PDB file of N, CA and C in Angstrom:
ATOM      1  N   UNK A   1       1.273  -6.143  15.577  1.00  0.00           N
ATOM      2  CA  UNK A   1       2.390  -5.081  15.322  1.00  0.00           C
ATOM      3  C   UNK A   1       1.891  -3.800  15.837  1.00  0.00           C
ATOM      4  N   UNK A   2       2.600  -3.102  16.505  1.00  0.00           N
ATOM      5  CA  UNK A   2       2.315  -1.748  16.954  1.00  0.00           C
ATOM      6  C   UNK A   2       3.161  -0.643  16.294  1.00  0.00           C
ATOM      7  N   UNK A   3       2.727   0.444  15.758  1.00  0.00           N
ATOM      8  CA  UNK A   3       3.400   1.424  15.047  1.00  0.00           C
ATOM      9  C   UNK A   3       3.040   2.683  15.690  1.00  0.00           C
ATOM     10  N   UNK A   4       4.310   3.281  16.286  1.00  0.00           N
ATOM     11  CA  UNK A   4       4.054   4.802  16.719  1.00  0.00           C
ATOM     12  C   UNK A   4       3.606   5.715  15.652  1.00  0.00           C
ATOM     13  N   UNK A   5       2.962   6.921  16.206  1.00  0.00           N
ATOM     14  CA  UNK A   5       2.360   7.755  15.294  1.00  0.00           C
ATOM     15  C   UNK A   5       3.479   8.357  14.453  1.00  0.00           C
ATOM     16  N   UNK A   6       3.102   8.432  13.094  1.00  0.00           N
ATOM     17  CA  UNK A   6       4.100   8.792  12.120  1.00  0.00           C
ATOM     18  C   UNK A   6       5.304   7.939  11.861  1.00  0.00           C
ATOM     19  N   UNK A   7       5.177   6.678  12.252  1.00  0.00           N
ATOM     20  CA  UNK A   7       6.039   5.717  12.084  1.00  0.00           C
ATOM     21  C   UNK A   7       6.350   5.256  10.693  1.00  0.00           C
ATOM     22  N   UNK A   8       7.385   4.455  10.475  1.00  0.00           N
ATOM     23  CA  UNK A   8       7.356   3.969   9.309  1.00  0.00           C
ATOM     24  C   UNK A   8       7.853   2.387   9.420  1.00  0.00           C
ATOM     25  N   UNK A   9       7.058   1.452   8.801  1.00  0.00           N
ATOM     26  CA  UNK A   9       7.216   0.061   8.933  1.00  0.00           C
ATOM     27  C   UNK A   9       8.512  -0.288   8.298  1.00  0.00           C
ATOM     28  N   UNK A  10       8.682   0.173   7.012  1.00  0.00           N
ATOM     29  CA  UNK A  10       9.847  -0.055   6.112  1.00  0.00           C
ATOM     30  C   UNK A  10       9.694   0.235   4.561  1.00  0.00           C
ATOM     31  N   UNK A  11      10.839   0.403   4.052  1.00  0.00           N
ATOM     32  CA  UNK A  11      10.697   0.480   2.611  1.00  0.00           C
ATOM     33  C   UNK A  11      11.451  -0.603   1.889  1.00  0.00           C
ATOM     34  N   UNK A  12      10.884  -1.069   0.770  1.00  0.00           N
ATOM     35  CA  UNK A  12      11.541  -2.126   0.106  1.00  0.00           C
ATOM     36  C   UNK A  12      10.837  -1.948  -1.401  1.00  0.00           C
ATOM     37  N   UNK A  13      11.694  -2.972  -2.182  1.00  0.00           N
ATOM     38  CA  UNK A  13      11.140  -3.021  -3.376  1.00  0.00           C
ATOM     39  C   UNK A  13      10.638  -4.376  -3.579  1.00  0.00           C
ATOM     40  N   UNK A  14       9.387  -4.623  -3.937  1.00  0.00           N
ATOM     41  CA  UNK A  14       8.606  -5.734  -3.887  1.00  0.00           C
ATOM     42  C   UNK A  14       8.712  -6.722  -5.188  1.00  0.00           C
ATOM     43  N   UNK A  15       8.993  -7.812  -5.158  1.00  0.00           N
ATOM     44  CA  UNK A  15       9.171  -8.708  -6.318  1.00  0.00           C
ATOM     45  C   UNK A  15       8.074  -9.539  -6.786  1.00  0.00           C
ATOM     46  N   UNK A  16       6.950  -9.541  -5.677  1.00  0.00           N
ATOM     47  CA  UNK A  16       5.936 -10.151  -5.795  1.00  0.00           C
ATOM     48  C   UNK A  16       4.613  -9.261  -5.535  1.00  0.00           C
ATOM     49  N   UNK A  17       3.308  -9.525  -5.945  1.00  0.00           N
ATOM     50  CA  UNK A  17       2.261  -8.855  -5.429  1.00  0.00           C
ATOM     51  C   UNK A  17       1.920  -8.810  -3.947  1.00  0.00           C
ATOM     52  N   UNK A  18       1.552  -7.647  -3.436  1.00  0.00           N
ATOM     53  CA  UNK A  18       1.303  -7.631  -1.992  1.00  0.00           C
ATOM     54  C   UNK A  18      -0.069  -7.354  -1.489  1.00  0.00           C
ATOM     55  N   UNK A  19      -0.476  -7.525  -0.335  1.00  0.00           N
ATOM     56  CA  UNK A  19      -1.598  -7.411   0.128  1.00  0.00           C
ATOM     57  C   UNK A  19      -1.553  -6.725   1.529  1.00  0.00           C
ATOM     58  N   UNK A  20      -2.369  -5.499   1.693  1.00  0.00           N
ATOM     59  CA  UNK A  20      -2.397  -4.968   3.037  1.00  0.00           C
ATOM     60  C   UNK A  20      -3.797  -4.845   3.356  1.00  0.00           C
ATOM     61  N   UNK A  21      -4.009  -5.120   4.698  1.00  0.00           N
ATOM     62  CA  UNK A  21      -5.537  -4.920   5.293  1.00  0.00           C
ATOM     63  C   UNK A  21      -5.385  -3.833   6.362  1.00  0.00           C
ATOM     64  N   UNK A  22      -6.154  -2.581   6.220  1.00  0.00           N
ATOM     65  CA  UNK A  22      -6.166  -1.615   7.068  1.00  0.00           C
ATOM     66  C   UNK A  22      -7.387  -1.773   7.817  1.00  0.00           C
ATOM     67  N   UNK A  23      -7.463  -1.902   9.198  1.00  0.00           N
ATOM     68  CA  UNK A  23      -8.730  -2.115   9.817  1.00  0.00           C
ATOM     69  C   UNK A  23      -9.253  -0.838  10.444  1.00  0.00           C
ATOM     70  N   UNK A  24      -8.546   0.003  11.312  1.00  0.00           N
ATOM     71  CA  UNK A  24      -9.090   1.099  11.992  1.00  0.00           C
ATOM     72  C   UNK A  24      -8.399   2.494  11.861  1.00  0.00           C
ATOM     73  N   UNK A  25      -7.448   2.505  11.113  1.00  0.00           N
ATOM     74  CA  UNK A  25      -6.676   3.819  11.114  1.00  0.00           C
ATOM     75  C   UNK A  25      -6.589   4.244   9.451  1.00  0.00           C
ATOM     76  N   UNK A  26      -6.044   5.509   9.219  1.00  0.00           N
ATOM     77  CA  UNK A  26      -5.599   5.929   8.055  1.00  0.00           C
ATOM     78  C   UNK A  26      -4.338   5.282   7.686  1.00  0.00           C
ATOM     79  N   UNK A  27      -3.934   5.310   6.295  1.00  0.00           N
ATOM     80  CA  UNK A  27      -2.602   4.743   6.041  1.00  0.00           C
ATOM     81  C   UNK A  27      -2.177   5.628   5.038  1.00  0.00           C
ATOM     82  N   UNK A  28      -0.888   5.906   4.920  1.00  0.00           N
ATOM     83  CA  UNK A  28      -0.308   6.632   3.755  1.00  0.00           C
ATOM     84  C   UNK A  28       0.734   5.680   3.227  1.00  0.00           C
ATOM     85  N   UNK A  29       0.498   5.739   1.688  1.00  0.00           N
ATOM     86  CA  UNK A  29       1.293   4.740   0.895  1.00  0.00           C
ATOM     87  C   UNK A  29       2.096   5.462  -0.214  1.00  0.00           C
ATOM     88  N   UNK A  30       3.381   5.423  -0.004  1.00  0.00           N
ATOM     89  CA  UNK A  30       4.240   5.971  -1.058  1.00  0.00           C
ATOM     90  C   UNK A  30       4.477   5.100  -2.362  1.00  0.00           C
ATOM     91  N   UNK A  31       4.087   5.835  -3.420  1.00  0.00           N
ATOM     92  CA  UNK A  31       4.106   5.099  -4.610  1.00  0.00           C
ATOM     93  C   UNK A  31       5.559   5.236  -5.411  1.00  0.00           C
ATOM     94  N   UNK A  32       5.617   4.490  -6.524  1.00  0.00           N
ATOM     95  CA  UNK A  32       6.976   4.452  -7.378  1.00  0.00           C
ATOM     96  C   UNK A  32       7.596   5.633  -7.656  1.00  0.00           C
ATOM     97  N   UNK A  33       6.838   6.771  -7.788  1.00  0.00           N
ATOM     98  CA  UNK A  33       7.216   8.034  -8.205  1.00  0.00           C
ATOM     99  C   UNK A  33       7.567   8.821  -6.928  1.00  0.00           C
ATOM    100  N   UNK A  34       7.535   8.200  -5.758  1.00  0.00           N
ATOM    101  CA  UNK A  34       7.674   9.098  -4.543  1.00  0.00           C
ATOM    102  C   UNK A  34       6.527   9.802  -4.085  1.00  0.00           C
ATOM    103  N   UNK A  35       5.248   9.594  -4.721  1.00  0.00           N
ATOM    104  CA  UNK A  35       4.110  10.447  -4.450  1.00  0.00           C
ATOM    105  C   UNK A  35       3.441   9.808  -3.216  1.00  0.00           C
ATOM    106  N   UNK A  36       2.846  10.476  -2.404  1.00  0.00           N
ATOM    107  CA  UNK A  36       2.156   9.825  -1.054  1.00  0.00           C
ATOM    108  C   UNK A  36       0.732   9.705  -1.190  1.00  0.00           C
ATOM    109  N   UNK A  37       0.079   8.817  -1.085  1.00  0.00           N
ATOM    110  CA  UNK A  37      -1.345   8.594  -1.348  1.00  0.00           C
ATOM    111  C   UNK A  37      -2.038   8.252   0.197  1.00  0.00           C
ATOM    112  N   UNK A  38      -2.844   8.885   0.354  1.00  0.00           N
ATOM    113  CA  UNK A  38      -3.791   8.538   1.836  1.00  0.00           C
ATOM    114  C   UNK A  38      -4.982   7.708   1.575  1.00  0.00           C
ATOM    115  N   UNK A  39      -4.985   6.594   2.147  1.00  0.00           N
ATOM    116  CA  UNK A  39      -6.139   5.857   2.320  1.00  0.00           C
ATOM    117  C   UNK A  39      -6.677   5.737   3.788  1.00  0.00           C
ATOM    118  N   UNK A  40      -8.242   5.759   3.826  1.00  0.00           N
ATOM    119  CA  UNK A  40      -8.690   5.613   5.169  1.00  0.00           C
ATOM    120  C   UNK A  40      -9.741   4.593   5.291  1.00  0.00           C
ATOM    121  N   UNK A  41      -9.538   3.631   6.363  1.00  0.00           N
ATOM    122  CA  UNK A  41     -10.354   2.461   6.774  1.00  0.00           C
ATOM    123  C   UNK A  41     -10.795   1.996   5.685  1.00  0.00           C
ATOM    124  N   UNK A  42     -10.039   1.558   4.726  1.00  0.00           N
ATOM    125  CA  UNK A  42     -10.411   0.692   3.516  1.00  0.00           C
ATOM    126  C   UNK A  42      -9.562  -0.573   3.556  1.00  0.00           C
ATOM    127  N   UNK A  43     -10.084  -1.542   2.783  1.00  0.00           N
ATOM    128  CA  UNK A  43      -9.155  -2.757   2.575  1.00  0.00           C
ATOM    129  C   UNK A  43      -8.500  -2.447   1.119  1.00  0.00           C
ATOM    130  N   UNK A  44      -7.162  -2.611   0.837  1.00  0.00           N
ATOM    131  CA  UNK A  44      -6.462  -2.303  -0.262  1.00  0.00           C
ATOM    132  C   UNK A  44      -5.525  -3.576  -0.708  1.00  0.00           C
ATOM    133  N   UNK A  45      -5.836  -3.551  -2.092  1.00  0.00           N
ATOM    134  CA  UNK A  45      -4.899  -4.699  -2.658  1.00  0.00           C
ATOM    135  C   UNK A  45      -3.785  -3.960  -3.504  1.00  0.00           C
ATOM    136  N   UNK A  46      -2.590  -4.433  -3.260  1.00  0.00           N
ATOM    137  CA  UNK A  46      -1.513  -3.862  -4.174  1.00  0.00           C
ATOM    138  C   UNK A  46      -0.930  -4.869  -4.872  1.00  0.00           C
ATOM    139  N   UNK A  47      -0.881  -4.656  -6.312  1.00  0.00           N
ATOM    140  CA  UNK A  47      -0.343  -5.718  -7.078  1.00  0.00           C
ATOM    141  C   UNK A  47       0.037  -5.295  -8.454  1.00  0.00           C
ATOM    142  N   UNK A  48       0.107  -6.327  -9.379  1.00  0.00           N
ATOM    143  CA  UNK A  48       0.439  -5.914 -10.759  1.00  0.00           C
ATOM    144  C   UNK A  48      -0.640  -6.751 -11.447  1.00  0.00           C
ATOM    145  N   UNK A  49      -1.226  -6.248 -12.560  1.00  0.00           N
ATOM    146  CA  UNK A  49      -2.025  -7.014 -13.433  1.00  0.00           C
ATOM    147  C   UNK A  49      -1.544  -8.130 -14.032  1.00  0.00           C
ATOM    148  N   UNK A  50      -2.230  -9.262 -14.100  1.00  0.00           N
ATOM    149  CA  UNK A  50      -1.593 -10.478 -14.495  1.00  0.00           C
ATOM    150  C   UNK A  50      -1.108 -10.515 -15.956  1.00  0.00           C
ATOM    151  N   UNK A  51      -1.505  -9.478 -16.802  1.00  0.00           N
ATOM    152  CA  UNK A  51      -1.169  -9.406 -18.383  1.00  0.00           C
ATOM    153  C   UNK A  51      -0.023  -8.653 -18.437  1.00  0.00           C
ATOM    154  N   UNK A  52       0.747  -7.944 -17.340  1.00  0.00           N
ATOM    155  CA  UNK A  52       1.818  -7.204 -17.511  1.00  0.00           C
ATOM    156  C   UNK A  52       1.543  -5.731 -17.670  1.00  0.00           C
ATOM    157  N   UNK A  53       0.425  -5.378 -17.472  1.00  0.00           N
ATOM    158  CA  UNK A  53       0.026  -3.876 -17.597  1.00  0.00           C
ATOM    159  C   UNK A  53       0.589  -3.101 -16.421  1.00  0.00           C
ATOM    160  N   UNK A  54       0.362  -1.820 -16.247  1.00  0.00           N
ATOM    161  CA  UNK A  54       0.806  -0.977 -15.293  1.00  0.00           C
ATOM    162  C   UNK A  54       0.461  -1.512 -13.917  1.00  0.00           C
ATOM    163  N   UNK A  55       1.288  -1.234 -12.863  1.00  0.00           N
ATOM    164  CA  UNK A  55       1.009  -1.473 -11.498  1.00  0.00           C
ATOM    165  C   UNK A  55      -0.345  -0.840 -11.100  1.00  0.00           C
ATOM    166  N   UNK A  56      -1.018  -1.350 -10.230  1.00  0.00           N
ATOM    167  CA  UNK A  56      -2.390  -0.962  -9.725  1.00  0.00           C
ATOM    168  C   UNK A  56      -2.527  -0.804  -8.218  1.00  0.00           C
ATOM    169  N   UNK A  57      -3.354   0.001  -7.897  1.00  0.00           N
ATOM    170  CA  UNK A  57      -3.810  -0.054  -6.490  1.00  0.00           C
ATOM    171  C   UNK A  57      -5.297  -0.052  -6.440  1.00  0.00           C
ATOM    172  N   UNK A  58      -5.918  -0.989  -5.885  1.00  0.00           N
ATOM    173  CA  UNK A  58      -7.281  -1.016  -6.018  1.00  0.00           C
ATOM    174  C   UNK A  58      -7.960  -1.149  -4.468  1.00  0.00           C
ATOM    175  N   UNK A  59      -8.828  -0.012  -4.248  1.00  0.00           N
ATOM    176  CA  UNK A  59      -9.414  -0.076  -2.981  1.00  0.00           C
ATOM    177  C   UNK A  59     -10.708  -0.797  -3.194  1.00  0.00           C
ATOM    178  N   UNK A  60     -10.837  -1.684  -2.094  1.00  0.00           N
ATOM    179  CA  UNK A  60     -12.117  -2.717  -2.194  1.00  0.00           C
ATOM    180  C   UNK A  60     -13.082  -2.217  -1.087  1.00  0.00           C
TER     181      UNK A  60
END
């Protein structure tokens, strides 16, 4: 997939945990409260804790 500079892939409500792998570029992620987080060249896991706790974003 190729994404233009400052492009948006898409916005959606996720009904299942998701995984995103960032290889060589910075990424901006918009959270539930419309806040924007910046991650750079890391592997990220987006999901919900299995015991129903608050949503989490974990950088590995």
